[in-house]
PDB file of all heavy atoms in Angstrom:
ATOM      1  N   GLU A   1     -92.364  -7.854  -0.141  1.00  0.00           N
ATOM      2  CA  GLU A   1     -93.650  -7.849  -0.810  1.00  0.00           C
ATOM      3  C   GLU A   1     -93.773  -6.950  -2.078  1.00  0.00           C
ATOM      4  O   GLU A   1     -94.408  -7.361  -3.001  1.00  0.00           O
ATOM      5  CB  GLU A   1     -94.811  -7.608   0.210  1.00  0.00           C
ATOM      6  CG  GLU A   1     -94.922  -8.554   1.280  1.00  0.00           C
ATOM      7  CD  GLU A   1     -95.942  -8.181   2.284  1.00  0.00           C
ATOM      8  OE1 GLU A   1     -96.538  -7.003   2.144  1.00  0.00           O
ATOM      9  OE2 GLU A   1     -96.260  -8.936   3.292  1.00  0.00           O
ATOM     10  N   LEU A   2     -93.196  -5.760  -1.964  1.00  0.00           N
ATOM     11  CA  LEU A   2     -93.275  -4.785  -3.031  1.00  0.00           C
ATOM     12  C   LEU A   2     -92.157  -5.136  -4.073  1.00  0.00           C
ATOM     13  O   LEU A   2     -92.104  -4.315  -5.060  1.00  0.00           O
ATOM     14  CB  LEU A   2     -93.017  -3.387  -2.530  1.00  0.00           C
ATOM     15  CG  LEU A   2     -94.245  -2.937  -1.511  1.00  0.00           C
ATOM     16  CD1 LEU A   2     -93.864  -1.596  -0.842  1.00  0.00           C
ATOM     17  CD2 LEU A   2     -95.436  -2.790  -2.258  1.00  0.00           C
ATOM     18  N   GLY A   3     -91.418  -6.117  -3.886  1.00  0.00           N
ATOM     19  CA  GLY A   3     -90.424  -6.466  -4.916  1.00  0.00           C
ATOM     20  C   GLY A   3     -89.151  -5.698  -4.833  1.00  0.00           C
ATOM     21  O   GLY A   3     -88.304  -5.686  -5.843  1.00  0.00           O
ATOM     22  N   MET A   4     -88.911  -5.087  -3.779  1.00  0.00           N
ATOM     23  CA  MET A   4     -87.632  -4.266  -3.671  1.00  0.00           C
ATOM     24  C   MET A   4     -86.517  -5.191  -3.268  1.00  0.00           C
ATOM     25  O   MET A   4     -86.592  -6.231  -2.498  1.00  0.00           O
ATOM     26  CB  MET A   4     -87.784  -3.202  -2.578  1.00  0.00           C
ATOM     27  CG  MET A   4     -88.974  -2.199  -2.823  1.00  0.00           C
ATOM     28  SD  MET A   4     -89.061  -1.006  -1.565  1.00  0.00           S
ATOM     29  CE  MET A   4     -90.457   0.072  -2.298  1.00  0.00           C
ATOM     30  N   ASP A   5     -85.294  -4.886  -3.865  1.00  0.00           N
ATOM     31  CA  ASP A   5     -84.143  -5.738  -3.539  1.00  0.00           C
ATOM     32  C   ASP A   5     -83.163  -5.125  -2.686  1.00  0.00           C
ATOM     33  O   ASP A   5     -82.119  -5.724  -2.363  1.00  0.00           O
ATOM     34  CB  ASP A   5     -83.513  -6.238  -4.904  1.00  0.00           C
ATOM     35  CG  ASP A   5     -83.153  -4.895  -5.729  1.00  0.00           C
ATOM     36  OD1 ASP A   5     -83.177  -3.838  -5.172  1.00  0.00           O
ATOM     37  OD2 ASP A   5     -82.859  -5.203  -6.979  1.00  0.00           O
ATOM     38  N   ALA A   6     -83.550  -3.886  -2.055  1.00  0.00           N
ATOM     39  CA  ALA A   6     -82.610  -3.361  -1.114  1.00  0.00           C
ATOM     40  C   ALA A   6     -83.429  -2.315  -0.314  1.00  0.00           C
ATOM     41  O   ALA A   6     -84.497  -1.811  -0.706  1.00  0.00           O
ATOM     42  CB  ALA A   6     -81.494  -2.475  -1.932  1.00  0.00           C
ATOM     43  N   LEU A   7     -82.910  -1.890   0.883  1.00  0.00           N
ATOM     44  CA  LEU A   7     -83.612  -1.032   1.673  1.00  0.00           C
ATOM     45  C   LEU A   7     -82.621  -0.333   2.701  1.00  0.00           C
ATOM     46  O   LEU A   7     -81.695  -1.121   3.112  1.00  0.00           O
ATOM     47  CB  LEU A   7     -84.701  -1.835   2.611  1.00  0.00           C
ATOM     48  CG  LEU A   7     -85.491  -1.088   3.497  1.00  0.00           C
ATOM     49  CD1 LEU A   7     -86.495   0.062   2.856  1.00  0.00           C
ATOM     50  CD2 LEU A   7     -86.382  -1.933   4.447  1.00  0.00           C
ATOM     51  N   ALA A   8     -82.758   0.894   2.952  1.00  0.00           N
ATOM     52  CA  ALA A   8     -81.926   1.621   3.888  1.00  0.00           C
ATOM     53  C   ALA A   8     -82.616   1.908   5.175  1.00  0.00           C
ATOM     54  O   ALA A   8     -83.807   1.950   5.229  1.00  0.00           O
ATOM     55  CB  ALA A   8     -81.420   2.946   3.256  1.00  0.00           C
ATOM     56  N   LEU A   9     -81.793   2.047   6.206  1.00  0.00           N
ATOM     57  CA  LEU A   9     -82.153   2.508   7.516  1.00  0.00           C
ATOM     58  C   LEU A   9     -81.426   3.694   7.980  1.00  0.00           C
ATOM     59  O   LEU A   9     -80.161   3.753   7.947  1.00  0.00           O
ATOM     60  CB  LEU A   9     -81.936   1.462   8.627  1.00  0.00           C
ATOM     61  CG  LEU A   9     -82.581   1.733   9.979  1.00  0.00           C
ATOM     62  CD1 LEU A   9     -84.007   1.891  10.065  1.00  0.00           C
ATOM     63  CD2 LEU A   9     -82.063   0.591  10.973  1.00  0.00           C
ATOM     64  N   THR A  10     -82.141   4.854   8.214  1.00  0.00           N
ATOM     65  CA  THR A  10     -81.527   6.132   8.499  1.00  0.00           C
ATOM     66  C   THR A  10     -82.275   6.822   9.764  1.00  0.00           C
ATOM     67  O   THR A  10     -82.786   7.790   9.580  1.00  0.00           O
ATOM     68  CB  THR A  10     -81.561   7.063   7.321  1.00  0.00           C
ATOM     69  OG1 THR A  10     -82.920   7.273   6.954  1.00  0.00           O
ATOM     70  CG2 THR A  10     -80.807   6.458   6.093  1.00  0.00           C
ATOM     71  N   ASP A  11     -82.015   6.152  10.971  1.00  0.00           N
ATOM     72  CA  ASP A  11     -82.709   6.695  12.051  1.00  0.00           C
ATOM     73  C   ASP A  11     -82.048   7.966  12.424  1.00  0.00           C
ATOM     74  O   ASP A  11     -80.862   8.229  12.191  1.00  0.00           O
ATOM     75  CB  ASP A  11     -82.675   5.703  13.166  1.00  0.00           C
ATOM     76  CG  ASP A  11     -83.756   4.622  13.008  1.00  0.00           C
ATOM     77  OD1 ASP A  11     -84.861   5.010  12.697  1.00  0.00           O
ATOM     78  OD2 ASP A  11     -83.327   3.390  13.249  1.00  0.00           O
ATOM     79  N   HIS A  12     -82.727   8.777  13.283  1.00  0.00           N
ATOM     80  CA  HIS A  12     -82.260  10.055  13.647  1.00  0.00           C
ATOM     81  C   HIS A  12     -81.139   9.957  14.714  1.00  0.00           C
ATOM     82  O   HIS A  12     -81.346   9.624  15.818  1.00  0.00           O
ATOM     83  CB  HIS A  12     -83.362  10.917  14.474  1.00  0.00           C
ATOM     84  CG  HIS A  12     -84.297  11.578  13.348  1.00  0.00           C
ATOM     85  ND1 HIS A  12     -83.850  12.510  12.514  1.00  0.00           N
ATOM     86  CD2 HIS A  12     -85.647  11.384  13.235  1.00  0.00           C
ATOM     87  CE1 HIS A  12     -84.962  12.962  11.731  1.00  0.00           C
ATOM     88  NE2 HIS A  12     -85.981  12.354  12.170  1.00  0.00           N
ATOM     89  N   GLY A  13     -79.891  10.212  14.292  1.00  0.00           N
ATOM     90  CA  GLY A  13     -78.654  10.313  15.107  1.00  0.00           C
ATOM     91  C   GLY A  13     -78.213   9.039  15.745  1.00  0.00           C
ATOM     92  O   GLY A  13     -77.211   9.068  16.520  1.00  0.00           O
ATOM     93  N   VAL A  14     -78.822   7.918  15.494  1.00  0.00           N
ATOM     94  CA  VAL A  14     -78.464   6.591  16.117  1.00  0.00           C
ATOM     95  C   VAL A  14     -78.381   5.470  15.130  1.00  0.00           C
ATOM     96  O   VAL A  14     -78.955   5.529  14.137  1.00  0.00           O
ATOM     97  CB  VAL A  14     -79.469   6.281  17.341  1.00  0.00           C
ATOM     98  CG1 VAL A  14     -79.637   7.373  18.290  1.00  0.00           C
ATOM     99  CG2 VAL A  14     -80.859   5.994  16.697  1.00  0.00           C
ATOM    100  N   LEU A  15     -77.680   4.459  15.628  1.00  0.00           N
ATOM    101  CA  LEU A  15     -77.519   3.182  14.975  1.00  0.00           C
ATOM    102  C   LEU A  15     -78.152   1.953  15.757  1.00  0.00           C
ATOM    103  O   LEU A  15     -77.846   0.824  15.590  1.00  0.00           O
ATOM    104  CB  LEU A  15     -76.064   2.878  14.594  1.00  0.00           C
ATOM    105  CG  LEU A  15     -75.353   3.880  13.824  1.00  0.00           C
ATOM    106  CD1 LEU A  15     -73.790   3.694  13.786  1.00  0.00           C
ATOM    107  CD2 LEU A  15     -75.975   3.975  12.393  1.00  0.00           C
ATOM    108  N   TYR A  16     -79.074   2.206  16.556  1.00  0.00           N
ATOM    109  CA  TYR A  16     -79.671   1.325  17.471  1.00  0.00           C
ATOM    110  C   TYR A  16     -80.200   0.004  16.852  1.00  0.00           C
ATOM    111  O   TYR A  16     -80.119  -1.049  17.245  1.00  0.00           O
ATOM    112  CB  TYR A  16     -80.699   1.826  18.471  1.00  0.00           C
ATOM    113  CG  TYR A  16     -80.221   3.003  19.382  1.00  0.00           C
ATOM    114  CD1 TYR A  16     -81.290   3.871  19.779  1.00  0.00           C
ATOM    115  CD2 TYR A  16     -78.987   3.207  19.910  1.00  0.00           C
ATOM    116  CE1 TYR A  16     -80.858   4.965  20.590  1.00  0.00           C
ATOM    117  CE2 TYR A  16     -78.619   4.087  20.603  1.00  0.00           C
ATOM    118  CZ  TYR A  16     -79.558   5.115  21.034  1.00  0.00           C
ATOM    119  OH  TYR A  16     -79.288   6.063  21.908  1.00  0.00           O
ATOM    120  N   GLY A  17     -80.862   0.325  15.655  1.00  0.00           N
ATOM    121  CA  GLY A  17     -81.459  -0.770  14.951  1.00  0.00           C
ATOM    122  C   GLY A  17     -80.708  -1.365  13.875  1.00  0.00           C
ATOM    123  O   GLY A  17     -81.121  -2.251  13.191  1.00  0.00           O
ATOM    124  N   ALA A  18     -79.398  -1.134  13.866  1.00  0.00           N
ATOM    125  CA  ALA A  18     -78.565  -1.500  12.712  1.00  0.00           C
ATOM    126  C   ALA A  18     -78.473  -3.128  12.572  1.00  0.00           C
ATOM    127  O   ALA A  18     -78.636  -3.683  11.447  1.00  0.00           O
ATOM    128  CB  ALA A  18     -77.204  -0.853  12.676  1.00  0.00           C
ATOM    129  N   VAL A  19     -78.101  -3.721  13.725  1.00  0.00           N
ATOM    130  CA  VAL A  19     -77.953  -5.219  13.650  1.00  0.00           C
ATOM    131  C   VAL A  19     -79.288  -5.936  13.429  1.00  0.00           C
ATOM    132  O   VAL A  19     -79.282  -6.857  12.552  1.00  0.00           O
ATOM    133  CB  VAL A  19     -77.322  -5.666  14.904  1.00  0.00           C
ATOM    134  CG1 VAL A  19     -77.294  -7.107  14.996  1.00  0.00           C
ATOM    135  CG2 VAL A  19     -75.931  -5.121  15.256  1.00  0.00           C
ATOM    136  N   GLU A  20     -80.344  -5.531  14.172  1.00  0.00           N
ATOM    137  CA  GLU A  20     -81.690  -6.087  13.943  1.00  0.00           C
ATOM    138  C   GLU A  20     -82.128  -5.909  12.378  1.00  0.00           C
ATOM    139  O   GLU A  20     -82.558  -6.839  11.720  1.00  0.00           O
ATOM    140  CB  GLU A  20     -82.702  -5.353  14.762  1.00  0.00           C
ATOM    141  CG  GLU A  20     -84.023  -6.077  14.547  1.00  0.00           C
ATOM    142  CD  GLU A  20     -85.123  -5.254  15.531  1.00  0.00           C
ATOM    143  OE1 GLU A  20     -84.741  -4.508  16.400  1.00  0.00           O
ATOM    144  OE2 GLU A  20     -86.332  -5.575  15.421  1.00  0.00           O
ATOM    145  N   PHE A  21     -81.829  -4.736  11.944  1.00  0.00           N
ATOM    146  CA  PHE A  21     -82.180  -4.355  10.414  1.00  0.00           C
ATOM    147  C   PHE A  21     -81.344  -5.285   9.507  1.00  0.00           C
ATOM    148  O   PHE A  21     -81.935  -5.820   8.625  1.00  0.00           O
ATOM    149  CB  PHE A  21     -81.934  -2.989  10.243  1.00  0.00           C
ATOM    150  CG  PHE A  21     -82.176  -2.478   8.750  1.00  0.00           C
ATOM    151  CD1 PHE A  21     -83.456  -2.326   8.322  1.00  0.00           C
ATOM    152  CD2 PHE A  21     -81.168  -2.178   7.938  1.00  0.00           C
ATOM    153  CE1 PHE A  21     -83.566  -1.938   7.032  1.00  0.00           C
ATOM    154  CE2 PHE A  21     -81.268  -1.763   6.763  1.00  0.00           C
ATOM    155  CZ  PHE A  21     -82.506  -1.738   6.206  1.00  0.00           C
ATOM    156  N   TYR A  22     -80.093  -5.478   9.712  1.00  0.00           N
ATOM    157  CA  TYR A  22     -79.234  -6.166   8.910  1.00  0.00           C
ATOM    158  C   TYR A  22     -79.694  -7.560   8.846  1.00  0.00           C
ATOM    159  O   TYR A  22     -79.843  -8.210   7.802  1.00  0.00           O
ATOM    160  CB  TYR A  22     -77.796  -6.066   9.408  1.00  0.00           C
ATOM    161  CG  TYR A  22     -76.804  -6.886   8.627  1.00  0.00           C
ATOM    162  CD1 TYR A  22     -76.141  -6.342   7.475  1.00  0.00           C
ATOM    163  CD2 TYR A  22     -76.490  -8.262   8.787  1.00  0.00           C
ATOM    164  CE1 TYR A  22     -75.275  -7.084   6.765  1.00  0.00           C
ATOM    165  CE2 TYR A  22     -75.677  -8.995   8.126  1.00  0.00           C
ATOM    166  CZ  TYR A  22     -74.954  -8.391   7.036  1.00  0.00           C
ATOM    167  OH  TYR A  22     -74.156  -9.140   6.240  1.00  0.00           O
ATOM    168  N   LEU A  23     -80.009  -8.265   9.998  1.00  0.00           N
ATOM    169  CA  LEU A  23     -80.406  -9.604  10.089  1.00  0.00           C
ATOM    170  C   LEU A  23     -81.664  -9.743   9.437  1.00  0.00           C
ATOM    171  O   LEU A  23     -82.028 -10.809   8.737  1.00  0.00           O
ATOM    172  CB  LEU A  23     -80.390 -10.084  11.470  1.00  0.00           C
ATOM    173  CG  LEU A  23     -79.027 -10.138  12.157  1.00  0.00           C
ATOM    174  CD1 LEU A  23     -79.221 -10.520  13.662  1.00  0.00           C
ATOM    175  CD2 LEU A  23     -78.043 -11.109  11.451  1.00  0.00           C
ATOM    176  N   ALA A  24     -82.644  -8.869   9.575  1.00  0.00           N
ATOM    177  CA  ALA A  24     -84.061  -8.991   9.074  1.00  0.00           C
ATOM    178  C   ALA A  24     -84.047  -8.805   7.595  1.00  0.00           C
ATOM    179  O   ALA A  24     -84.761  -9.616   6.805  1.00  0.00           O
ATOM    180  CB  ALA A  24     -84.925  -7.895   9.613  1.00  0.00           C
ATOM    181  N   CYS A  25     -83.137  -8.036   7.024  1.00  0.00           N
ATOM    182  CA  CYS A  25     -82.999  -7.915   5.545  1.00  0.00           C
ATOM    183  C   CYS A  25     -82.422  -9.051   4.910  1.00  0.00           C
ATOM    184  O   CYS A  25     -82.880  -9.555   3.884  1.00  0.00           O
ATOM    185  CB  CYS A  25     -82.193  -6.600   5.295  1.00  0.00           C
ATOM    186  SG  CYS A  25     -82.899  -5.027   5.369  1.00  0.00           S
ATOM    187  N   ARG A  26     -81.325  -9.637   5.615  1.00  0.00           N
ATOM    188  CA  ARG A  26     -80.851 -10.880   5.093  1.00  0.00           C
ATOM    189  C   ARG A  26     -81.810 -11.971   5.053  1.00  0.00           C
ATOM    190  O   ARG A  26     -81.898 -12.731   4.084  1.00  0.00           O
ATOM    191  CB  ARG A  26     -79.557 -11.320   5.906  1.00  0.00           C
ATOM    192  CG  ARG A  26     -78.368 -10.305   5.898  1.00  0.00           C
ATOM    193  CD  ARG A  26     -77.840 -10.329   4.458  1.00  0.00           C
ATOM    194  NE  ARG A  26     -77.270 -11.607   4.040  1.00  0.00           N
ATOM    195  CZ  ARG A  26     -75.961 -11.877   4.357  1.00  0.00           C
ATOM    196  NH1 ARG A  26     -75.183 -11.081   4.916  1.00  0.00           N
ATOM    197  NH2 ARG A  26     -75.486 -13.024   3.889  1.00  0.00           N
ATOM    198  N   GLU A  27     -82.609 -11.985   6.123  1.00  0.00           N
ATOM    199  CA  GLU A  27     -83.642 -13.144   6.121  1.00  0.00           C
ATOM    200  C   GLU A  27     -84.746 -12.897   5.138  1.00  0.00           C
ATOM    201  O   GLU A  27     -85.331 -13.846   4.519  1.00  0.00           O
ATOM    202  CB  GLU A  27     -84.318 -13.115   7.548  1.00  0.00           C
ATOM    203  CG  GLU A  27     -85.420 -14.166   7.826  1.00  0.00           C
ATOM    204  CD  GLU A  27     -85.943 -14.195   9.110  1.00  0.00           C
ATOM    205  OE1 GLU A  27     -85.388 -13.547  10.005  1.00  0.00           O
ATOM    206  OE2 GLU A  27     -86.976 -14.920   9.329  1.00  0.00           O
ATOM    207  N   ALA A  28     -84.988 -11.595   4.796  1.00  0.00           N
ATOM    208  CA  ALA A  28     -86.008 -11.370   3.795  1.00  0.00           C
ATOM    209  C   ALA A  28     -85.385 -11.461   2.430  1.00  0.00           C
ATOM    210  O   ALA A  28     -86.209 -11.175   1.426  1.00  0.00           O
ATOM    211  CB  ALA A  28     -86.654 -10.003   3.967  1.00  0.00           C
ATOM    212  N   GLY A  29     -84.065 -11.581   2.222  1.00  0.00           N
ATOM    213  CA  GLY A  29     -83.540 -11.648   0.940  1.00  0.00           C
ATOM    214  C   GLY A  29     -83.363 -10.420   0.176  1.00  0.00           C
ATOM    215  O   GLY A  29     -83.271 -10.333  -1.018  1.00  0.00           O
TER     216      GLY A  29
END
């Protein structure tokens, strides 16, 4: 919505959200 074309995920010490985040970003373009 804010017109950003990239986004990072940097959770504390873990990669639990990586797959969900990757797929959500791809879906959002």
